[in-house]
Amino acid sequence: MPHKVDVHVGQRIRQRRWLAGMTQQKLAELVGIKFQQIQKYETGANRVSASRLWDIADALGVEVAHFFEGLEAEKGQSDTPLRNIPADLIGDKEAMDLVRSYYSIPEHQRRRLFELARVLSDVA
């Protein structure tokens, strides 16, 4: 059974890759491994070594610490006011596509869309 930290790191790799619009194949090429290994990392089936995580972070343009963000918050997540957010939000392809699309909108329009979403969520 995969360790929860390995699963979390894998989910964060997948999330960042999706946000970058990068395929597993492209990431694997940048890191110098086969895409099947990226699949195993993303599911938590294989543990990512420190040096490999460093290479993945470099290829995805983030700090290594990015992959551990949110790990502590998972412990008490059921007590937070965000209970209606799915536990595997970063594993939801539709949510990641929405985030990627959101950031492709020009900044001034994106801000207006954000404000609209806040108003709608307050009503719901």
PDB file of N, CA and C in Angstrom:
ATOM      1  N   MET A   1       0.839  -1.181   0.000  1.00  0.00           N
ATOM      2  CA  MET A   1       0.000   0.000   0.000  1.00  0.00           C
ATOM      3  C   MET A   1       0.888   1.250   0.000  1.00  0.00           C
ATOM      4  N   PRO A   2       0.626   2.179  -0.921  1.00  0.00           N
ATOM      5  CA  PRO A   2       1.465   3.382  -0.992  1.00  0.00           C
ATOM      6  C   PRO A   2       1.323   4.248   0.262  1.00  0.00           C
ATOM      7  N   HIS A   3       2.403   4.886   0.634  1.00  0.00           N
ATOM      8  CA  HIS A   3       2.400   5.801   1.763  1.00  0.00           C
ATOM      9  C   HIS A   3       1.661   7.077   1.353  1.00  0.00           C
ATOM     10  N   LYS A   4       0.936   7.710   2.294  1.00  0.00           N
ATOM     11  CA  LYS A   4       0.139   8.890   1.965  1.00  0.00           C
ATOM     12  C   LYS A   4       0.992  10.049   1.441  1.00  0.00           C
ATOM     13  N   VAL A   5       2.236  10.133   1.878  1.00  0.00           N
ATOM     14  CA  VAL A   5       3.114  11.196   1.383  1.00  0.00           C
ATOM     15  C   VAL A   5       3.459  10.952  -0.087  1.00  0.00           C
ATOM     16  N   ASP A   6       3.713   9.700  -0.445  1.00  0.00           N
ATOM     17  CA  ASP A   6       4.016   9.371  -1.844  1.00  0.00           C
ATOM     18  C   ASP A   6       2.808   9.669  -2.740  1.00  0.00           C
ATOM     19  N   VAL A   7       1.627   9.367  -2.257  1.00  0.00           N
ATOM     20  CA  VAL A   7       0.402   9.639  -3.017  1.00  0.00           C
ATOM     21  C   VAL A   7       0.222  11.149  -3.174  1.00  0.00           C
ATOM     22  N   HIS A   8       0.429  11.891  -2.103  1.00  0.00           N
ATOM     23  CA  HIS A   8       0.284  13.354  -2.144  1.00  0.00           C
ATOM     24  C   HIS A   8       1.283  13.970  -3.131  1.00  0.00           C
ATOM     25  N   VAL A   9       2.538  13.572  -3.036  1.00  0.00           N
ATOM     26  CA  VAL A   9       3.566  14.096  -3.946  1.00  0.00           C
ATOM     27  C   VAL A   9       3.196  13.756  -5.391  1.00  0.00           C
ATOM     28  N   GLY A  10       2.739  12.538  -5.637  1.00  0.00           N
ATOM     29  CA  GLY A  10       2.328  12.144  -6.979  1.00  0.00           C
ATOM     30  C   GLY A  10       1.175  12.975  -7.498  1.00  0.00           C
ATOM     31  N   GLN A  11       0.211  13.258  -6.634  1.00  0.00           N
ATOM     32  CA  GLN A  11      -0.926  14.091  -7.032  1.00  0.00           C
ATOM     33  C   GLN A  11      -0.471  15.500  -7.367  1.00  0.00           C
ATOM     34  N   ARG A  12       0.468  16.020  -6.588  1.00  0.00           N
ATOM     35  CA  ARG A  12       0.977  17.364  -6.849  1.00  0.00           C
ATOM     36  C   ARG A  12       1.780  17.412  -8.151  1.00  0.00           C
ATOM     37  N   ILE A  13       2.492  16.328  -8.472  1.00  0.00           N
ATOM     38  CA  ILE A  13       3.205  16.261  -9.760  1.00  0.00           C
ATOM     39  C   ILE A  13       2.180  16.301 -10.890  1.00  0.00           C
ATOM     40  N   ARG A  14       1.144  15.456 -10.781  1.00  0.00           N
ATOM     41  CA  ARG A  14       0.107  15.409 -11.819  1.00  0.00           C
ATOM     42  C   ARG A  14      -0.582  16.758 -11.965  1.00  0.00           C
ATOM     43  N   GLN A  15      -0.917  17.399 -10.848  1.00  0.00           N
ATOM     44  CA  GLN A  15      -1.584  18.690 -10.883  1.00  0.00           C
ATOM     45  C   GLN A  15      -0.737  19.721 -11.620  1.00  0.00           C
ATOM     46  N   ARG A  16       0.523  19.812 -11.246  1.00  0.00           N
ATOM     47  CA  ARG A  16       1.403  20.805 -11.869  1.00  0.00           C
ATOM     48  C   ARG A  16       1.601  20.509 -13.354  1.00  0.00           C
ATOM     49  N   ARG A  17       1.721  19.233 -13.697  1.00  0.00           N
ATOM     50  CA  ARG A  17       1.892  18.849 -15.101  1.00  0.00           C
ATOM     51  C   ARG A  17       0.677  19.251 -15.909  1.00  0.00           C
ATOM     52  N   TRP A  18      -0.523  18.972 -15.363  1.00  0.00           N
ATOM     53  CA  TRP A  18      -1.763  19.351 -16.058  1.00  0.00           C
ATOM     54  C   TRP A  18      -1.866  20.860 -16.219  1.00  0.00           C
ATOM     55  N   LEU A  19      -1.544  21.599 -15.161  1.00  0.00           N
ATOM     56  CA  LEU A  19      -1.616  23.055 -15.232  1.00  0.00           C
ATOM     57  C   LEU A  19      -0.646  23.609 -16.265  1.00  0.00           C
ATOM     58  N   ALA A  20       0.469  22.931 -16.436  1.00  0.00           N
ATOM     59  CA  ALA A  20       1.452  23.353 -17.434  1.00  0.00           C
ATOM     60  C   ALA A  20       1.066  22.885 -18.838  1.00  0.00           C
ATOM     61  N   GLY A  21       0.018  22.064 -18.933  1.00  0.00           N
ATOM     62  CA  GLY A  21      -0.398  21.545 -20.236  1.00  0.00           C
ATOM     63  C   GLY A  21       0.611  20.572 -20.816  1.00  0.00           C
ATOM     64  N   MET A  22       1.293  19.858 -19.944  1.00  0.00           N
ATOM     65  CA  MET A  22       2.364  18.951 -20.355  1.00  0.00           C
ATOM     66  C   MET A  22       1.888  17.501 -20.274  1.00  0.00           C
ATOM     67  N   THR A  23       2.263  16.700 -21.228  1.00  0.00           N
ATOM     68  CA  THR A  23       1.931  15.279 -21.202  1.00  0.00           C
ATOM     69  C   THR A  23       2.927  14.526 -20.324  1.00  0.00           C
ATOM     70  N   GLN A  24       2.550  13.325 -19.939  1.00  0.00           N
ATOM     71  CA  GLN A  24       3.475  12.476 -19.185  1.00  0.00           C
ATOM     72  C   GLN A  24       4.704  12.190 -20.034  1.00  0.00           C
ATOM     73  N   GLN A  25       4.502  12.006 -21.322  1.00  0.00           N
ATOM     74  CA  GLN A  25       5.610  11.722 -22.229  1.00  0.00           C
ATOM     75  C   GLN A  25       6.607  12.882 -22.252  1.00  0.00           C
ATOM     76  N   LYS A  26       6.099  14.110 -22.346  1.00  0.00           N
ATOM     77  CA  LYS A  26       6.984  15.281 -22.401  1.00  0.00           C
ATOM     78  C   LYS A  26       7.762  15.438 -21.093  1.00  0.00           C
ATOM     79  N   LEU A  27       7.070  15.271 -19.964  1.00  0.00           N
ATOM     80  CA  LEU A  27       7.756  15.371 -18.679  1.00  0.00           C
ATOM     81  C   LEU A  27       8.833  14.300 -18.562  1.00  0.00           C
ATOM     82  N   ALA A  28       8.492  13.093 -18.976  1.00  0.00           N
ATOM     83  CA  ALA A  28       9.455  11.990 -18.917  1.00  0.00           C
ATOM     84  C   ALA A  28      10.689  12.308 -19.759  1.00  0.00           C
ATOM     85  N   GLU A  29      10.482  12.873 -20.950  1.00  0.00           N
ATOM     86  CA  GLU A  29      11.616  13.233 -21.815  1.00  0.00           C
ATOM     87  C   GLU A  29      12.499  14.285 -21.148  1.00  0.00           C
ATOM     88  N   LEU A  30      11.865  15.290 -20.527  1.00  0.00           N
ATOM     89  CA  LEU A  30      12.635  16.351 -19.865  1.00  0.00           C
ATOM     90  C   LEU A  30      13.449  15.819 -18.688  1.00  0.00           C
ATOM     91  N   VAL A  31      12.912  14.797 -18.017  1.00  0.00           N
ATOM     92  CA  VAL A  31      13.573  14.239 -16.841  1.00  0.00           C
ATOM     93  C   VAL A  31      14.538  13.112 -17.219  1.00  0.00           C
ATOM     94  N   GLY A  32      14.342  12.531 -18.408  1.00  0.00           N
ATOM     95  CA  GLY A  32      15.229  11.466 -18.858  1.00  0.00           C
ATOM     96  C   GLY A  32      14.810  10.072 -18.415  1.00  0.00           C
ATOM     97  N   ILE A  33      13.496   9.860 -18.319  1.00  0.00           N
ATOM     98  CA  ILE A  33      12.967   8.551 -17.939  1.00  0.00           C
ATOM     99  C   ILE A  33      11.820   8.187 -18.878  1.00  0.00           C
ATOM    100  N   LYS A  34      11.227   7.028 -18.687  1.00  0.00           N
ATOM    101  CA  LYS A  34      10.090   6.588 -19.498  1.00  0.00           C
ATOM    102  C   LYS A  34       8.792   7.113 -18.895  1.00  0.00           C
ATOM    103  N   PHE A  35       7.785   7.341 -19.755  1.00  0.00           N
ATOM    104  CA  PHE A  35       6.537   7.916 -19.265  1.00  0.00           C
ATOM    105  C   PHE A  35       5.828   6.995 -18.281  1.00  0.00           C
ATOM    106  N   GLN A  36       6.072   5.680 -18.372  1.00  0.00           N
ATOM    107  CA  GLN A  36       5.449   4.749 -17.423  1.00  0.00           C
ATOM    108  C   GLN A  36       5.897   5.049 -15.984  1.00  0.00           C
ATOM    109  N   GLN A  37       7.131   5.516 -15.855  1.00  0.00           N
ATOM    110  CA  GLN A  37       7.633   5.853 -14.524  1.00  0.00           C
ATOM    111  C   GLN A  37       6.894   7.070 -13.982  1.00  0.00           C
ATOM    112  N   ILE A  38       6.619   8.034 -14.851  1.00  0.00           N
ATOM    113  CA  ILE A  38       5.841   9.208 -14.424  1.00  0.00           C
ATOM    114  C   ILE A  38       4.466   8.753 -13.955  1.00  0.00           C
ATOM    115  N   GLN A  39       3.850   7.812 -14.675  1.00  0.00           N
ATOM    116  CA  GLN A  39       2.543   7.274 -14.267  1.00  0.00           C
ATOM    117  C   GLN A  39       2.624   6.685 -12.864  1.00  0.00           C
ATOM    118  N   LYS A  40       3.661   5.934 -12.599  1.00  0.00           N
ATOM    119  CA  LYS A  40       3.828   5.297 -11.290  1.00  0.00           C
ATOM    120  C   LYS A  40       4.056   6.335 -10.192  1.00  0.00           C
ATOM    121  N   TYR A  41       4.808   7.383 -10.498  1.00  0.00           N
ATOM    122  CA  TYR A  41       5.002   8.458  -9.523  1.00  0.00           C
ATOM    123  C   TYR A  41       3.675   9.144  -9.212  1.00  0.00           C
ATOM    124  N   GLU A  42       2.909   9.436 -10.261  1.00  0.00           N
ATOM    125  CA  GLU A  42       1.665  10.182 -10.091  1.00  0.00           C
ATOM    126  C   GLU A  42       0.611   9.409  -9.301  1.00  0.00           C
ATOM    127  N   THR A  43       0.640   8.112  -9.354  1.00  0.00           N
ATOM    128  CA  THR A  43      -0.314   7.316  -8.583  1.00  0.00           C
ATOM    129  C   THR A  43       0.203   6.991  -7.191  1.00  0.00           C
ATOM    130  N   GLY A  44       1.461   7.252  -6.943  1.00  0.00           N
ATOM    131  CA  GLY A  44       2.059   6.921  -5.656  1.00  0.00           C
ATOM    132  C   GLY A  44       2.523   5.482  -5.590  1.00  0.00           C
ATOM    133  N   ALA A  45       2.418   4.759  -6.704  1.00  0.00           N
ATOM    134  CA  ALA A  45       2.851   3.367  -6.738  1.00  0.00           C
ATOM    135  C   ALA A  45       4.357   3.258  -6.528  1.00  0.00           C
ATOM    136  N   ASN A  46       5.101   4.231  -7.062  1.00  0.00           N
ATOM    137  CA  ASN A  46       6.552   4.287  -6.860  1.00  0.00           C
ATOM    138  C   ASN A  46       6.903   5.570  -6.128  1.00  0.00           C
ATOM    139  N   ARG A  47       7.802   5.457  -5.209  1.00  0.00           N
ATOM    140  CA  ARG A  47       8.297   6.601  -4.441  1.00  0.00           C
ATOM    141  C   ARG A  47       9.288   7.373  -5.306  1.00  0.00           C
ATOM    142  N   VAL A  48       9.217   8.711  -5.267  1.00  0.00           N
ATOM    143  CA  VAL A  48      10.120   9.562  -6.040  1.00  0.00           C
ATOM    144  C   VAL A  48      11.352   9.865  -5.194  1.00  0.00           C
ATOM    145  N   SER A  49      12.529   9.566  -5.732  1.00  0.00           N
ATOM    146  CA  SER A  49      13.758   9.868  -4.998  1.00  0.00           C
ATOM    147  C   SER A  49      13.966  11.383  -4.964  1.00  0.00           C
ATOM    148  N   ALA A  50      14.793  11.833  -4.044  1.00  0.00           N
ATOM    149  CA  ALA A  50      15.057  13.264  -3.891  1.00  0.00           C
ATOM    150  C   ALA A  50      15.637  13.867  -5.170  1.00  0.00           C
ATOM    151  N   SER A  51      16.590  13.183  -5.782  1.00  0.00           N
ATOM    152  CA  SER A  51      17.214  13.725  -6.992  1.00  0.00           C
ATOM    153  C   SER A  51      16.235  13.753  -8.161  1.00  0.00           C
ATOM    154  N   ARG A  52      15.379  12.744  -8.253  1.00  0.00           N
ATOM    155  CA  ARG A  52      14.375  12.712  -9.321  1.00  0.00           C
ATOM    156  C   ARG A  52      13.331  13.807  -9.090  1.00  0.00           C
ATOM    157  N   LEU A  53      12.945  14.022  -7.836  1.00  0.00           N
ATOM    158  CA  LEU A  53      11.980  15.075  -7.528  1.00  0.00           C
ATOM    159  C   LEU A  53      12.567  16.442  -7.873  1.00  0.00           C
ATOM    160  N   TRP A  54      13.849  16.591  -7.644  1.00  0.00           N
ATOM    161  CA  TRP A  54      14.545  17.827  -8.010  1.00  0.00           C
ATOM    162  C   TRP A  54      14.443  18.050  -9.519  1.00  0.00           C
ATOM    163  N   ASP A  55      14.691  17.004 -10.306  1.00  0.00           N
ATOM    164  CA  ASP A  55      14.614  17.103 -11.770  1.00  0.00           C
ATOM    165  C   ASP A  55      13.190  17.404 -12.236  1.00  0.00           C
ATOM    166  N   ILE A  56      12.208  16.774 -11.605  1.00  0.00           N
ATOM    167  CA  ILE A  56      10.802  16.994 -11.966  1.00  0.00           C
ATOM    168  C   ILE A  56      10.408  18.436 -11.642  1.00  0.00           C
ATOM    169  N   ALA A  57      10.818  18.924 -10.477  1.00  0.00           N
ATOM    170  CA  ALA A  57      10.516  20.306 -10.098  1.00  0.00           C
ATOM    171  C   ALA A  57      11.116  21.278 -11.109  1.00  0.00           C
ATOM    172  N   ASP A  58      12.342  21.014 -11.513  1.00  0.00           N
ATOM    173  CA  ASP A  58      13.008  21.866 -12.500  1.00  0.00           C
ATOM    174  C   ASP A  58      12.246  21.844 -13.829  1.00  0.00           C
ATOM    175  N   ALA A  59      11.848  20.675 -14.273  1.00  0.00           N
ATOM    176  CA  ALA A  59      11.127  20.542 -15.545  1.00  0.00           C
ATOM    177  C   ALA A  59       9.768  21.236 -15.497  1.00  0.00           C
ATOM    178  N   LEU A  60       9.140  21.250 -14.312  1.00  0.00           N
ATOM    179  CA  LEU A  60       7.811  21.854 -14.174  1.00  0.00           C
ATOM    180  C   LEU A  60       7.858  23.305 -13.696  1.00  0.00           C
ATOM    181  N   GLY A  61       9.069  23.801 -13.439  1.00  0.00           N
ATOM    182  CA  GLY A  61       9.233  25.202 -13.070  1.00  0.00           C
ATOM    183  C   GLY A  61       8.738  25.571 -11.684  1.00  0.00           C
ATOM    184  N   VAL A  62       8.897  24.652 -10.730  1.00  0.00           N
ATOM    185  CA  VAL A  62       8.496  24.918  -9.346  1.00  0.00           C
ATOM    186  C   VAL A  62       9.619  24.520  -8.402  1.00  0.00           C
ATOM    187  N   GLU A  63       9.507  24.964  -7.150  1.00  0.00           N
ATOM    188  CA  GLU A  63      10.443  24.542  -6.114  1.00  0.00           C
ATOM    189  C   GLU A  63      10.050  23.138  -5.651  1.00  0.00           C
ATOM    190  N   VAL A  64      10.969  22.377  -5.132  1.00  0.00           N
ATOM    191  CA  VAL A  64      10.693  21.035  -4.625  1.00  0.00           C
ATOM    192  C   VAL A  64       9.615  21.081  -3.545  1.00  0.00           C
ATOM    193  N   ALA A  65       9.627  22.117  -2.727  1.00  0.00           N
ATOM    194  CA  ALA A  65       8.647  22.256  -1.640  1.00  0.00           C
ATOM    195  C   ALA A  65       7.211  22.287  -2.161  1.00  0.00           C
ATOM    196  N   HIS A  66       7.017  22.681  -3.406  1.00  0.00           N
ATOM    197  CA  HIS A  66       5.671  22.735  -4.001  1.00  0.00           C
ATOM    198  C   HIS A  66       4.954  21.392  -3.868  1.00  0.00           C
ATOM    199  N   PHE A  67       5.681  20.314  -3.987  1.00  0.00           N
ATOM    200  CA  PHE A  67       5.072  18.985  -3.986  1.00  0.00           C
ATOM    201  C   PHE A  67       4.611  18.542  -2.597  1.00  0.00           C
ATOM    202  N   PHE A  68       5.048  19.247  -1.566  1.00  0.00           N
ATOM    203  CA  PHE A  68       4.660  18.905  -0.203  1.00  0.00           C
ATOM    204  C   PHE A  68       3.617  19.864   0.373  1.00  0.00           C
ATOM    205  N   GLU A  69       3.313  20.935  -0.356  1.00  0.00           N
ATOM    206  CA  GLU A  69       2.334  21.903   0.116  1.00  0.00           C
ATOM    207  C   GLU A  69       0.977  21.236   0.313  1.00  0.00           C
ATOM    208  N   GLY A  70       0.329  21.599   1.405  1.00  0.00           N
ATOM    209  CA  GLY A  70      -0.996  21.059   1.695  1.00  0.00           C
ATOM    210  C   GLY A  70      -0.990  19.739   2.419  1.00  0.00           C
ATOM    211  N   LEU A  71       0.162  19.159   2.632  1.00  0.00           N
ATOM    212  CA  LEU A  71       0.249  17.851   3.271  1.00  0.00           C
ATOM    213  C   LEU A  71      -0.222  17.903   4.714  1.00  0.00           C
ATOM    214  N   GLU A  72       0.208  18.878   5.468  1.00  0.00           N
ATOM    215  CA  GLU A  72      -0.205  19.005   6.867  1.00  0.00           C
ATOM    216  C   GLU A  72      -1.686  19.336   6.967  1.00  0.00           C
ATOM    217  N   ALA A  73      -2.203  20.120   6.031  1.00  0.00           N
ATOM    218  CA  ALA A  73      -3.605  20.533   6.076  1.00  0.00           C
ATOM    219  C   ALA A  73      -4.546  19.343   5.936  1.00  0.00           C
ATOM    220  N   GLU A  74      -4.088  18.262   5.333  1.00  0.00           N
ATOM    221  CA  GLU A  74      -4.947  17.102   5.135  1.00  0.00           C
ATOM    222  C   GLU A  74      -5.351  16.448   6.449  1.00  0.00           C
ATOM    223  N   LYS A  75      -4.536  16.580   7.493  1.00  0.00           N
ATOM    224  CA  LYS A  75      -4.823  15.922   8.762  1.00  0.00           C
ATOM    225  C   LYS A  75      -6.156  16.369   9.346  1.00  0.00           C
ATOM    226  N   GLY A  76      -6.406  17.676   9.388  1.00  0.00           N
ATOM    227  CA  GLY A  76      -7.630  18.182   9.992  1.00  0.00           C
ATOM    228  C   GLY A  76      -8.621  18.692   8.974  1.00  0.00           C
ATOM    229  N   GLN A  77      -8.561  18.211   7.775  1.00  0.00           N
ATOM    230  CA  GLN A  77      -9.370  18.748   6.694  1.00  0.00           C
ATOM    231  C   GLN A  77     -10.868  18.650   6.966  1.00  0.00           C
ATOM    232  N   SER A  78     -11.334  17.622   7.661  1.00  0.00           N
ATOM    233  CA  SER A  78     -12.763  17.465   7.887  1.00  0.00           C
ATOM    234  C   SER A  78     -13.320  18.553   8.800  1.00  0.00           C
ATOM    235  N   ASP A  79     -12.464  19.234   9.558  1.00  0.00           N
ATOM    236  CA  ASP A  79     -12.918  20.283  10.457  1.00  0.00           C
ATOM    237  C   ASP A  79     -12.883  21.666   9.816  1.00  0.00           C
ATOM    238  N   THR A  80     -12.455  21.764   8.570  1.00  0.00           N
ATOM    239  CA  THR A  80     -12.352  23.054   7.915  1.00  0.00           C
ATOM    240  C   THR A  80     -13.676  23.444   7.289  1.00  0.00           C
ATOM    241  N   PRO A  81     -13.886  24.740   7.017  1.00  0.00           N
ATOM    242  CA  PRO A  81     -15.124  25.165   6.374  1.00  0.00           C
ATOM    243  C   PRO A  81     -15.180  24.770   4.902  1.00  0.00           C
ATOM    244  N   LEU A  82     -14.151  24.152   4.388  1.00  0.00           N
ATOM    245  CA  LEU A  82     -14.115  23.760   2.979  1.00  0.00           C
ATOM    246  C   LEU A  82     -14.510  22.299   2.789  1.00  0.00           C
ATOM    247  N   ARG A  83     -15.352  21.783   3.663  1.00  0.00           N
ATOM    248  CA  ARG A  83     -15.742  20.376   3.609  1.00  0.00           C
ATOM    249  C   ARG A  83     -16.403  19.977   2.298  1.00  0.00           C
ATOM    250  N   ASN A  84     -17.029  20.933   1.599  1.00  0.00           N
ATOM    251  CA  ASN A  84     -17.727  20.597   0.362  1.00  0.00           C
ATOM    252  C   ASN A  84     -16.793  20.455  -0.833  1.00  0.00           C
ATOM    253  N   ILE A  85     -15.498  20.668  -0.635  1.00  0.00           N
ATOM    254  CA  ILE A  85     -14.520  20.487  -1.714  1.00  0.00           C
ATOM    255  C   ILE A  85     -14.093  19.024  -1.728  1.00  0.00           C
ATOM    256  N   PRO A  86     -14.114  18.381  -2.908  1.00  0.00           N
ATOM    257  CA  PRO A  86     -13.712  16.970  -2.981  1.00  0.00           C
ATOM    258  C   PRO A  86     -12.304  16.749  -2.446  1.00  0.00           C
ATOM    259  N   ALA A  87     -12.100  15.619  -1.778  1.00  0.00           N
ATOM    260  CA  ALA A  87     -10.800  15.305  -1.188  1.00  0.00           C
ATOM    261  C   ALA A  87      -9.702  15.230  -2.245  1.00  0.00           C
ATOM    262  N   ASP A  88     -10.048  14.752  -3.438  1.00  0.00           N
ATOM    263  CA  ASP A  88      -9.053  14.592  -4.502  1.00  0.00           C
ATOM    264  C   ASP A  88      -9.237  15.651  -5.577  1.00  0.00           C
ATOM    265  N   LEU A  89      -9.368  16.913  -5.163  1.00  0.00           N
ATOM    266  CA  LEU A  89      -9.576  18.000  -6.110  1.00  0.00           C
ATOM    267  C   LEU A  89      -8.450  18.067  -7.134  1.00  0.00           C
ATOM    268  N   ILE A  90      -7.213  17.870  -6.680  1.00  0.00           N
ATOM    269  CA  ILE A  90      -6.097  17.961  -7.614  1.00  0.00           C
ATOM    270  C   ILE A  90      -6.051  16.780  -8.564  1.00  0.00           C
ATOM    271  N   GLY A  91      -6.773  15.713  -8.251  1.00  0.00           N
ATOM    272  CA  GLY A  91      -6.846  14.564  -9.143  1.00  0.00           C
ATOM    273  C   GLY A  91      -8.018  14.650 -10.105  1.00  0.00           C
ATOM    274  N   ASP A  92      -8.823  15.697  -9.982  1.00  0.00           N
ATOM    275  CA  ASP A  92     -10.004  15.873 -10.835  1.00  0.00           C
ATOM    276  C   ASP A  92      -9.592  16.605 -12.111  1.00  0.00           C
ATOM    277  N   LYS A  93      -9.588  15.889 -13.227  1.00  0.00           N
ATOM    278  CA  LYS A  93      -9.137  16.469 -14.491  1.00  0.00           C
ATOM    279  C   LYS A  93      -9.968  17.680 -14.883  1.00  0.00           C
ATOM    280  N   GLU A  94     -11.275  17.615 -14.664  1.00  0.00           N
ATOM    281  CA  GLU A  94     -12.144  18.739 -15.009  1.00  0.00           C
ATOM    282  C   GLU A  94     -11.750  19.995 -14.222  1.00  0.00           C
ATOM    283  N   ALA A  95     -11.465  19.832 -12.937  1.00  0.00           N
ATOM    284  CA  ALA A  95     -11.056  20.977 -12.114  1.00  0.00           C
ATOM    285  C   ALA A  95      -9.728  21.548 -12.608  1.00  0.00           C
ATOM    286  N   MET A  96      -8.799  20.681 -12.958  1.00  0.00           N
ATOM    287  CA  MET A  96      -7.509  21.159 -13.441  1.00  0.00           C
ATOM    288  C   MET A  96      -7.646  21.846 -14.802  1.00  0.00           C
ATOM    289  N   ASP A  97      -8.524  21.323 -15.666  1.00  0.00           N
ATOM    290  CA  ASP A  97      -8.780  21.983 -16.955  1.00  0.00           C
ATOM    291  C   ASP A  97      -9.384  23.364 -16.733  1.00  0.00           C
ATOM    292  N   LEU A  98     -10.277  23.468 -15.739  1.00  0.00           N
ATOM    293  CA  LEU A  98     -10.894  24.752 -15.422  1.00  0.00           C
ATOM    294  C   LEU A  98      -9.839  25.752 -14.937  1.00  0.00           C
ATOM    295  N   VAL A  99      -8.937  25.304 -14.084  1.00  0.00           N
ATOM    296  CA  VAL A  99      -7.881  26.189 -13.575  1.00  0.00           C
ATOM    297  C   VAL A  99      -6.962  26.626 -14.715  1.00  0.00           C
ATOM    298  N   ARG A 100      -6.597  25.697 -15.572  1.00  0.00           N
ATOM    299  CA  ARG A 100      -5.721  26.037 -16.705  1.00  0.00           C
ATOM    300  C   ARG A 100      -6.410  27.058 -17.613  1.00  0.00           C
ATOM    301  N   SER A 101      -7.693  26.848 -17.891  1.00  0.00           N
ATOM    302  CA  SER A 101      -8.450  27.780 -18.725  1.00  0.00           C
ATOM    303  C   SER A 101      -8.552  29.146 -18.052  1.00  0.00           C
ATOM    304  N   TYR A 102      -8.786  29.144 -16.751  1.00  0.00           N
ATOM    305  CA  TYR A 102      -8.901  30.395 -15.991  1.00  0.00           C
ATOM    306  C   TYR A 102      -7.632  31.236 -16.152  1.00  0.00           C
ATOM    307  N   TYR A 103      -6.481  30.607 -16.032  1.00  0.00           N
ATOM    308  CA  TYR A 103      -5.233  31.361 -16.132  1.00  0.00           C
ATOM    309  C   TYR A 103      -4.855  31.732 -17.561  1.00  0.00           C
ATOM    310  N   SER A 104      -5.573  31.218 -18.537  1.00  0.00           N
ATOM    311  CA  SER A 104      -5.316  31.634 -19.912  1.00  0.00           C
ATOM    312  C   SER A 104      -6.139  32.870 -20.293  1.00  0.00           C
ATOM    313  N   ILE A 105      -7.071  33.276 -19.428  1.00  0.00           N
ATOM    314  CA  ILE A 105      -7.886  34.473 -19.642  1.00  0.00           C
ATOM    315  C   ILE A 105      -7.049  35.697 -19.279  1.00  0.00           C
ATOM    316  N   PRO A 106      -7.162  36.789 -20.057  1.00  0.00           N
ATOM    317  CA  PRO A 106      -6.423  38.012 -19.710  1.00  0.00           C
ATOM    318  C   PRO A 106      -6.748  38.457 -18.278  1.00  0.00           C
ATOM    319  N   GLU A 107      -5.755  39.037 -17.613  1.00  0.00           N
ATOM    320  CA  GLU A 107      -5.852  39.309 -16.178  1.00  0.00           C
ATOM    321  C   GLU A 107      -7.073  40.150 -15.789  1.00  0.00           C
ATOM    322  N   HIS A 108      -7.368  41.207 -16.536  1.00  0.00           N
ATOM    323  CA  HIS A 108      -8.499  42.062 -16.146  1.00  0.00           C
ATOM    324  C   HIS A 108      -9.836  41.319 -16.266  1.00  0.00           C
ATOM    325  N   GLN A 109      -9.975  40.460 -17.261  1.00  0.00           N
ATOM    326  CA  GLN A 109     -11.191  39.655 -17.396  1.00  0.00           C
ATOM    327  C   GLN A 109     -11.225  38.550 -16.344  1.00  0.00           C
ATOM    328  N   ARG A 110     -10.065  37.996 -16.037  1.00  0.00           N
ATOM    329  CA  ARG A 110      -9.973  36.944 -15.036  1.00  0.00           C
ATOM    330  C   ARG A 110     -10.436  37.466 -13.674  1.00  0.00           C
ATOM    331  N   ARG A 111     -10.068  38.688 -13.342  1.00  0.00           N
ATOM    332  CA  ARG A 111     -10.470  39.285 -12.065  1.00  0.00           C
ATOM    333  C   ARG A 111     -11.988  39.440 -11.997  1.00  0.00           C
ATOM    334  N   ARG A 112     -12.592  39.850 -13.104  1.00  0.00           N
ATOM    335  CA  ARG A 112     -14.056  40.007 -13.139  1.00  0.00           C
ATOM    336  C   ARG A 112     -14.745  38.656 -13.010  1.00  0.00           C
ATOM    337  N   LEU A 113     -14.187  37.636 -13.664  1.00  0.00           N
ATOM    338  CA  LEU A 113     -14.740  36.283 -13.559  1.00  0.00           C
ATOM    339  C   LEU A 113     -14.623  35.774 -12.131  1.00  0.00           C
ATOM    340  N   PHE A 114     -13.514  36.059 -11.495  1.00  0.00           N
ATOM    341  CA  PHE A 114     -13.306  35.655 -10.100  1.00  0.00           C
ATOM    342  C   PHE A 114     -14.357  36.278  -9.187  1.00  0.00           C
ATOM    343  N   GLU A 115     -14.595  37.577  -9.365  1.00  0.00           N
ATOM    344  CA  GLU A 115     -15.602  38.263  -8.544  1.00  0.00           C
ATOM    345  C   GLU A 115     -16.992  37.681  -8.784  1.00  0.00           C
ATOM    346  N   LEU A 116     -17.316  37.360 -10.035  1.00  0.00           N
ATOM    347  CA  LEU A 116     -18.608  36.740 -10.353  1.00  0.00           C
ATOM    348  C   LEU A 116     -18.736  35.383  -9.650  1.00  0.00           C
ATOM    349  N   ALA A 117     -17.682  34.605  -9.696  1.00  0.00           N
ATOM    350  CA  ALA A 117     -17.702  33.284  -9.046  1.00  0.00           C
ATOM    351  C   ALA A 117     -17.900  33.427  -7.539  1.00  0.00           C
ATOM    352  N   ARG A 118     -17.278  34.422  -6.928  1.00  0.00           N
ATOM    353  CA  ARG A 118     -17.450  34.646  -5.484  1.00  0.00           C
ATOM    354  C   ARG A 118     -18.894  34.994  -5.155  1.00  0.00           C
ATOM    355  N   VAL A 119     -19.502  35.848  -5.968  1.00  0.00           N
ATOM    356  CA  VAL A 119     -20.895  36.229  -5.736  1.00  0.00           C
ATOM    357  C   VAL A 119     -21.797  35.012  -5.890  1.00  0.00           C
ATOM    358  N   LEU A 120     -21.583  34.231  -6.938  1.00  0.00           N
ATOM    359  CA  LEU A 120     -22.411  33.050  -7.158  1.00  0.00           C
ATOM    360  C   LEU A 120     -22.244  32.022  -6.043  1.00  0.00           C
ATOM    361  N   SER A 121     -21.047  31.856  -5.543  1.00  0.00           N
ATOM    362  CA  SER A 121     -20.831  30.870  -4.489  1.00  0.00           C
ATOM    363  C   SER A 121     -21.437  31.328  -3.162  1.00  0.00           C
ATOM    364  N   ASP A 122     -21.513  32.615  -2.929  1.00  0.00           N
ATOM    365  CA  ASP A 122     -22.154  33.141  -1.727  1.00  0.00           C
ATOM    366  C   ASP A 122     -23.664  32.931  -1.766  1.00  0.00           C
ATOM    367  N   VAL A 123     -24.228  32.929  -2.965  1.00  0.00           N
ATOM    368  CA  VAL A 123     -25.668  32.728  -3.128  1.00  0.00           C
ATOM    369  C   VAL A 123     -26.034  31.267  -2.936  1.00  0.00           C
ATOM    370  N   ALA A 124     -25.169  30.377  -3.416  1.00  0.00           N
ATOM    371  CA  ALA A 124     -25.484  28.936  -3.393  1.00  0.00           C
ATOM    372  C   ALA A 124     -25.476  28.367  -2.008  1.00  0.00           C
TER     373      ALA A 124
END
